[in-house]
Structures are given as structure tokens and as C-alpha cells.
Amino acid sequence: MAAVCANCGIEVDDTDVACPECGDENNLSLRPGSGKTERFAAAFAYFTFIPAIIFLFWARFKADGFVRFHSFQSIFVTITAALLAGALRLLFVTFSFISFLAAALIVTLVCLACFVLWIVLLVKALQGRQFKLPWIGKLAKSQAGA
């Protein structure tokens, strides 16, 4: 079965890890070894960090770079979100002295952006794509060996 590059639309061999036309390795619509089970496991890793950690140690997914990548990315996104939540709490306290409405708006927008990011990560995992986030995705890829 052939894969299609989502970046340039060229049909590539399903054994290729990157598009021979544009060189993009993240946007192949069918990744080798990304069957239904692997895609569901990768998506489930984003629900909390707990399934992500379990998938890293589960023998079935230990050698699967796709599931490992999404598990590591999920863990790193969780850590980043926790740090962001702490920073937002301090920011909210600071801005609430100036304008409570502005502080509430900032927190609401950041939370909405995090929710949209979570949905995008779920959909990309279910599509069988390794959607790399800036900095976090590169770190996840190096940890997963994918």
C-alpha cells in the first residue's frame, strides 16, 4: 500500500520514511507499522501521562517507534503544561490587581489553546502521523529513537 505525502501530495512507497520529492518526513499519511492498534495506543497516550508511561514499558509497544514517539511527546507536553499552569497562576495574581477581566481572558485563551492542541495531537495520532511540536517533538523523537 502506498503512502501519500500530505505536504506535496506525491505518492511514495510505504517503506519510505521521508518524501523523496520534498524531504518531509512528518506528513506521510500512512506510516510504516502504524496499524489501528498502534494508532489508538498513540492517541490514548495523550489522555494523561499515565497511559504514555505504561506504553513505554509495555513489551508490545517497546519497539514501536510510533507509539514511543507519541508517548514521549505526551509526557513532555504534560510537563510543559504544568509549568505553564504555574506561570499562569502567577500571571493571574499579578494581572488581577490591574484588571481581573484581562487576567481571566488571558487564562481562558491559554486554556482554549491547550485544548485545541490536545485535539490536534489526538487527530494526528489517529491518522498515523508523527506530528512533531517545536522543541518538544524533536526531544520526543530523539528519546523514542523514531
C-alpha atoms as a PDB file:
ATOM      1  CA  MET A   1       0.000   0.000   0.000  1.00  0.00           C
ATOM      2  CA  ALA A   2       1.409   3.383  -0.933  1.00  0.00           C
ATOM      3  CA  ALA A   3       1.533   6.439   1.272  1.00  0.00           C
ATOM      4  CA  VAL A   4       0.804   9.995   0.197  1.00  0.00           C
ATOM      5  CA  CYS A   5       2.819  12.983   1.368  1.00  0.00           C
ATOM      6  CA  ALA A   6       0.434  15.479   2.953  1.00  0.00           C
ATOM      7  CA  ASN A   7       2.902  18.266   2.225  1.00  0.00           C
ATOM      8  CA  CYS A   8       3.248  17.920  -1.559  1.00  0.00           C
ATOM      9  CA  GLY A   9       0.721  15.184  -2.466  1.00  0.00           C
ATOM     10  CA  ILE A  10       3.261  12.865  -4.114  1.00  0.00           C
ATOM     11  CA  GLU A  11       2.668   9.139  -3.768  1.00  0.00           C
ATOM     12  CA  VAL A  12       5.588   7.455  -2.015  1.00  0.00           C
ATOM     13  CA  ASP A  13       6.456   3.865  -1.236  1.00  0.00           C
ATOM     14  CA  ASP A  14       5.154   2.734   2.146  1.00  0.00           C
ATOM     15  CA  THR A  15       8.676   1.747   3.200  1.00  0.00           C
ATOM     16  CA  ASP A  16       9.956   5.315   2.768  1.00  0.00           C
ATOM     17  CA  VAL A  17      10.317   7.321   5.947  1.00  0.00           C
ATOM     18  CA  ALA A  18      10.529  10.646   4.085  1.00  0.00           C
ATOM     19  CA  CYS A  19       9.047  12.051   0.893  1.00  0.00           C
ATOM     20  CA  PRO A  20      11.571  11.799  -1.970  1.00  0.00           C
ATOM     21  CA  GLU A  21      10.108  14.961  -3.545  1.00  0.00           C
ATOM     22  CA  CYS A  22      10.047  17.459  -0.668  1.00  0.00           C
ATOM     23  CA  GLY A  23      12.003  15.535   2.002  1.00  0.00           C
ATOM     24  CA  ASP A  24       9.275  15.951   4.622  1.00  0.00           C
ATOM     25  CA  GLU A  25       9.250  13.010   6.997  1.00  0.00           C
ATOM     26  CA  ASN A  26       6.388  14.111   9.242  1.00  0.00           C
ATOM     27  CA  ASN A  27       3.470  14.296   6.838  1.00  0.00           C
ATOM     28  CA  LEU A  28       3.205  10.856   5.292  1.00  0.00           C
ATOM     29  CA  SER A  29      -0.423   9.800   5.545  1.00  0.00           C
ATOM     30  CA  LEU A  30       0.473   6.172   6.229  1.00  0.00           C
ATOM     31  CA  ARG A  31       3.483   5.453   8.394  1.00  0.00           C
ATOM     32  CA  PRO A  32       5.088   2.006   8.201  1.00  0.00           C
ATOM     33  CA  GLY A  33       3.883  -0.129  11.100  1.00  0.00           C
ATOM     34  CA  SER A  34       1.146   2.256  12.155  1.00  0.00           C
ATOM     35  CA  GLY A  35      -1.843  -0.060  12.194  1.00  0.00           C
ATOM     36  CA  LYS A  36      -5.104   0.523  14.043  1.00  0.00           C
ATOM     37  CA  THR A  37      -3.801  -0.746  17.376  1.00  0.00           C
ATOM     38  CA  GLU A  38      -0.700   1.425  17.216  1.00  0.00           C
ATOM     39  CA  ARG A  39      -2.678   4.490  16.196  1.00  0.00           C
ATOM     40  CA  PHE A  40      -5.218   4.036  19.007  1.00  0.00           C
ATOM     41  CA  ALA A  41      -2.419   3.467  21.522  1.00  0.00           C
ATOM     42  CA  ALA A  42      -0.615   6.599  20.317  1.00  0.00           C
ATOM     43  CA  ALA A  43      -3.811   8.638  20.627  1.00  0.00           C
ATOM     44  CA  PHE A  44      -4.628   7.152  24.030  1.00  0.00           C
ATOM     45  CA  ALA A  45      -1.177   8.239  25.250  1.00  0.00           C
ATOM     46  CA  TYR A  46      -2.406  11.844  25.061  1.00  0.00           C
ATOM     47  CA  PHE A  47      -5.267  11.349  27.537  1.00  0.00           C
ATOM     48  CA  THR A  48      -2.924  11.630  30.520  1.00  0.00           C
ATOM     49  CA  PHE A  49       0.721  10.882  31.125  1.00  0.00           C
ATOM     50  CA  ILE A  50      -0.177   7.569  32.817  1.00  0.00           C
ATOM     51  CA  PRO A  51      -1.010   5.578  29.639  1.00  0.00           C
ATOM     52  CA  ALA A  52       2.016   7.162  27.987  1.00  0.00           C
ATOM     53  CA  ILE A  53       4.302   5.799  30.695  1.00  0.00           C
ATOM     54  CA  ILE A  54       2.605   2.386  30.553  1.00  0.00           C
ATOM     55  CA  PHE A  55       3.111   2.198  26.758  1.00  0.00           C
ATOM     56  CA  LEU A  56       6.817   2.955  27.170  1.00  0.00           C
ATOM     57  CA  PHE A  57       7.256  -0.132  29.343  1.00  0.00           C
ATOM     58  CA  TRP A  58       4.703  -2.443  27.703  1.00  0.00           C
ATOM     59  CA  ALA A  59       6.533  -5.139  25.735  1.00  0.00           C
ATOM     60  CA  ARG A  60       4.131  -4.906  22.803  1.00  0.00           C
ATOM     61  CA  PHE A  61       4.972  -1.234  22.148  1.00  0.00           C
ATOM     62  CA  LYS A  62       8.561  -1.141  23.404  1.00  0.00           C
ATOM     63  CA  ALA A  63       9.985  -1.498  19.894  1.00  0.00           C
ATOM     64  CA  ASP A  64       7.286   0.561  18.152  1.00  0.00           C
ATOM     65  CA  GLY A  65       8.821   3.959  17.424  1.00  0.00           C
ATOM     66  CA  PHE A  66       5.454   5.472  16.525  1.00  0.00           C
ATOM     67  CA  VAL A  67       3.810   4.739  19.889  1.00  0.00           C
ATOM     68  CA  ARG A  68       7.002   5.599  21.774  1.00  0.00           C
ATOM     69  CA  PHE A  69       7.237   8.959  19.995  1.00  0.00           C
ATOM     70  CA  HIS A  70       3.663   9.908  20.910  1.00  0.00           C
ATOM     71  CA  SER A  71       4.126   8.637  24.468  1.00  0.00           C
ATOM     72  CA  PHE A  72       7.244  10.743  24.991  1.00  0.00           C
ATOM     73  CA  GLN A  73       5.624  13.751  23.350  1.00  0.00           C
ATOM     74  CA  SER A  74       2.602  13.339  25.634  1.00  0.00           C
ATOM     75  CA  ILE A  75       4.826  13.272  28.720  1.00  0.00           C
ATOM     76  CA  PHE A  76       6.767  16.346  27.603  1.00  0.00           C
ATOM     77  CA  VAL A  77       3.544  18.209  26.739  1.00  0.00           C
ATOM     78  CA  THR A  78       2.182  17.379  30.211  1.00  0.00           C
ATOM     79  CA  ILE A  79       5.331  18.710  31.879  1.00  0.00           C
ATOM     80  CA  THR A  80       5.190  21.860  29.744  1.00  0.00           C
ATOM     81  CA  ALA A  81       1.503  22.355  30.516  1.00  0.00           C
ATOM     82  CA  ALA A  82       2.163  22.003  34.259  1.00  0.00           C
ATOM     83  CA  LEU A  83       4.921  24.624  34.079  1.00  0.00           C
ATOM     84  CA  LEU A  84       2.652  26.868  32.015  1.00  0.00           C
ATOM     85  CA  ALA A  85      -0.154  26.450  34.567  1.00  0.00           C
ATOM     86  CA  GLY A  86       2.188  27.559  37.347  1.00  0.00           C
ATOM     87  CA  ALA A  87       3.300  30.582  35.337  1.00  0.00           C
ATOM     88  CA  LEU A  88      -0.319  31.419  34.512  1.00  0.00           C
ATOM     89  CA  ARG A  89      -1.240  31.291  38.171  1.00  0.00           C
ATOM     90  CA  LEU A  90       1.439  33.854  38.993  1.00  0.00           C
ATOM     91  CA  LEU A  91       0.424  35.929  35.985  1.00  0.00           C
ATOM     92  CA  PHE A  92      -3.224  35.794  37.014  1.00  0.00           C
ATOM     93  CA  VAL A  93      -2.434  37.012  40.519  1.00  0.00           C
ATOM     94  CA  THR A  94      -0.298  39.832  39.130  1.00  0.00           C
ATOM     95  CA  PHE A  95      -2.789  40.922  36.460  1.00  0.00           C
ATOM     96  CA  SER A  96      -5.835  40.584  38.674  1.00  0.00           C
ATOM     97  CA  PHE A  97      -4.614  43.600  40.652  1.00  0.00           C
ATOM     98  CA  ILE A  98      -4.712  45.617  37.431  1.00  0.00           C
ATOM     99  CA  SER A  99      -7.749  44.107  35.729  1.00  0.00           C
ATOM    100  CA  PHE A 100      -9.498  40.927  36.767  1.00  0.00           C
ATOM    101  CA  LEU A 101     -11.248  40.697  33.384  1.00  0.00           C
ATOM    102  CA  ALA A 102      -7.959  40.891  31.450  1.00  0.00           C
ATOM    103  CA  ALA A 103      -6.392  38.243  33.665  1.00  0.00           C
ATOM    104  CA  ALA A 104      -9.386  35.941  33.234  1.00  0.00           C
ATOM    105  CA  LEU A 105      -9.322  36.472  29.464  1.00  0.00           C
ATOM    106  CA  ILE A 106      -5.622  35.565  29.232  1.00  0.00           C
ATOM    107  CA  VAL A 107      -6.123  32.384  31.258  1.00  0.00           C
ATOM    108  CA  THR A 108      -9.178  31.422  29.202  1.00  0.00           C
ATOM    109  CA  LEU A 109      -7.347  31.908  25.897  1.00  0.00           C
ATOM    110  CA  VAL A 110      -4.336  29.868  27.025  1.00  0.00           C
ATOM    111  CA  CYS A 111      -6.612  27.058  28.246  1.00  0.00           C
ATOM    112  CA  LEU A 112      -8.513  27.100  24.953  1.00  0.00           C
ATOM    113  CA  ALA A 113      -5.232  26.937  23.014  1.00  0.00           C
ATOM    114  CA  CYS A 114      -4.123  23.938  25.111  1.00  0.00           C
ATOM    115  CA  PHE A 115      -7.435  22.186  24.418  1.00  0.00           C
ATOM    116  CA  VAL A 116      -7.111  22.787  20.657  1.00  0.00           C
ATOM    117  CA  LEU A 117      -3.514  21.483  20.755  1.00  0.00           C
ATOM    118  CA  TRP A 118      -4.710  18.351  22.552  1.00  0.00           C
ATOM    119  CA  ILE A 119      -7.373  17.713  19.880  1.00  0.00           C
ATOM    120  CA  VAL A 120      -4.822  18.220  17.085  1.00  0.00           C
ATOM    121  CA  LEU A 121      -2.401  15.771  18.706  1.00  0.00           C
ATOM    122  CA  LEU A 122      -5.169  13.178  19.109  1.00  0.00           C
ATOM    123  CA  VAL A 123      -6.290  13.500  15.491  1.00  0.00           C
ATOM    124  CA  LYS A 124      -2.740  13.342  14.114  1.00  0.00           C
ATOM    125  CA  ALA A 125      -2.005  10.211  16.155  1.00  0.00           C
ATOM    126  CA  LEU A 126      -5.225   8.574  14.938  1.00  0.00           C
ATOM    127  CA  GLN A 127      -4.243   9.446  11.353  1.00  0.00           C
ATOM    128  CA  GLY A 128      -0.928   7.633  11.846  1.00  0.00           C
ATOM    129  CA  ARG A 129       1.205  10.768  11.624  1.00  0.00           C
ATOM    130  CA  GLN A 130       4.134  11.799  13.749  1.00  0.00           C
ATOM    131  CA  PHE A 131       3.148  15.409  14.272  1.00  0.00           C
ATOM    132  CA  LYS A 132       6.192  16.992  15.872  1.00  0.00           C
ATOM    133  CA  LEU A 133       5.691  20.041  18.048  1.00  0.00           C
ATOM    134  CA  PRO A 134       8.520  22.584  18.031  1.00  0.00           C
ATOM    135  CA  TRP A 135      11.266  21.663  20.540  1.00  0.00           C
ATOM    136  CA  ILE A 136       9.098  19.062  22.299  1.00  0.00           C
ATOM    137  CA  GLY A 137       8.700  16.931  19.158  1.00  0.00           C
ATOM    138  CA  LYS A 138      12.412  16.928  18.464  1.00  0.00           C
ATOM    139  CA  LEU A 139      13.126  15.865  22.033  1.00  0.00           C
ATOM    140  CA  ALA A 140      10.417  13.169  21.880  1.00  0.00           C
ATOM    141  CA  LYS A 141      11.782  11.842  18.594  1.00  0.00           C
ATOM    142  CA  SER A 142      15.301  11.570  19.978  1.00  0.00           C
ATOM    143  CA  GLN A 143      14.041   9.795  23.120  1.00  0.00           C
ATOM    144  CA  ALA A 144      11.852   7.389  21.158  1.00  0.00           C
ATOM    145  CA  GLY A 145      14.520   6.569  18.617  1.00  0.00           C
ATOM    146  CA  ALA A 146      11.897   7.025  15.875  1.00  0.00           C
END
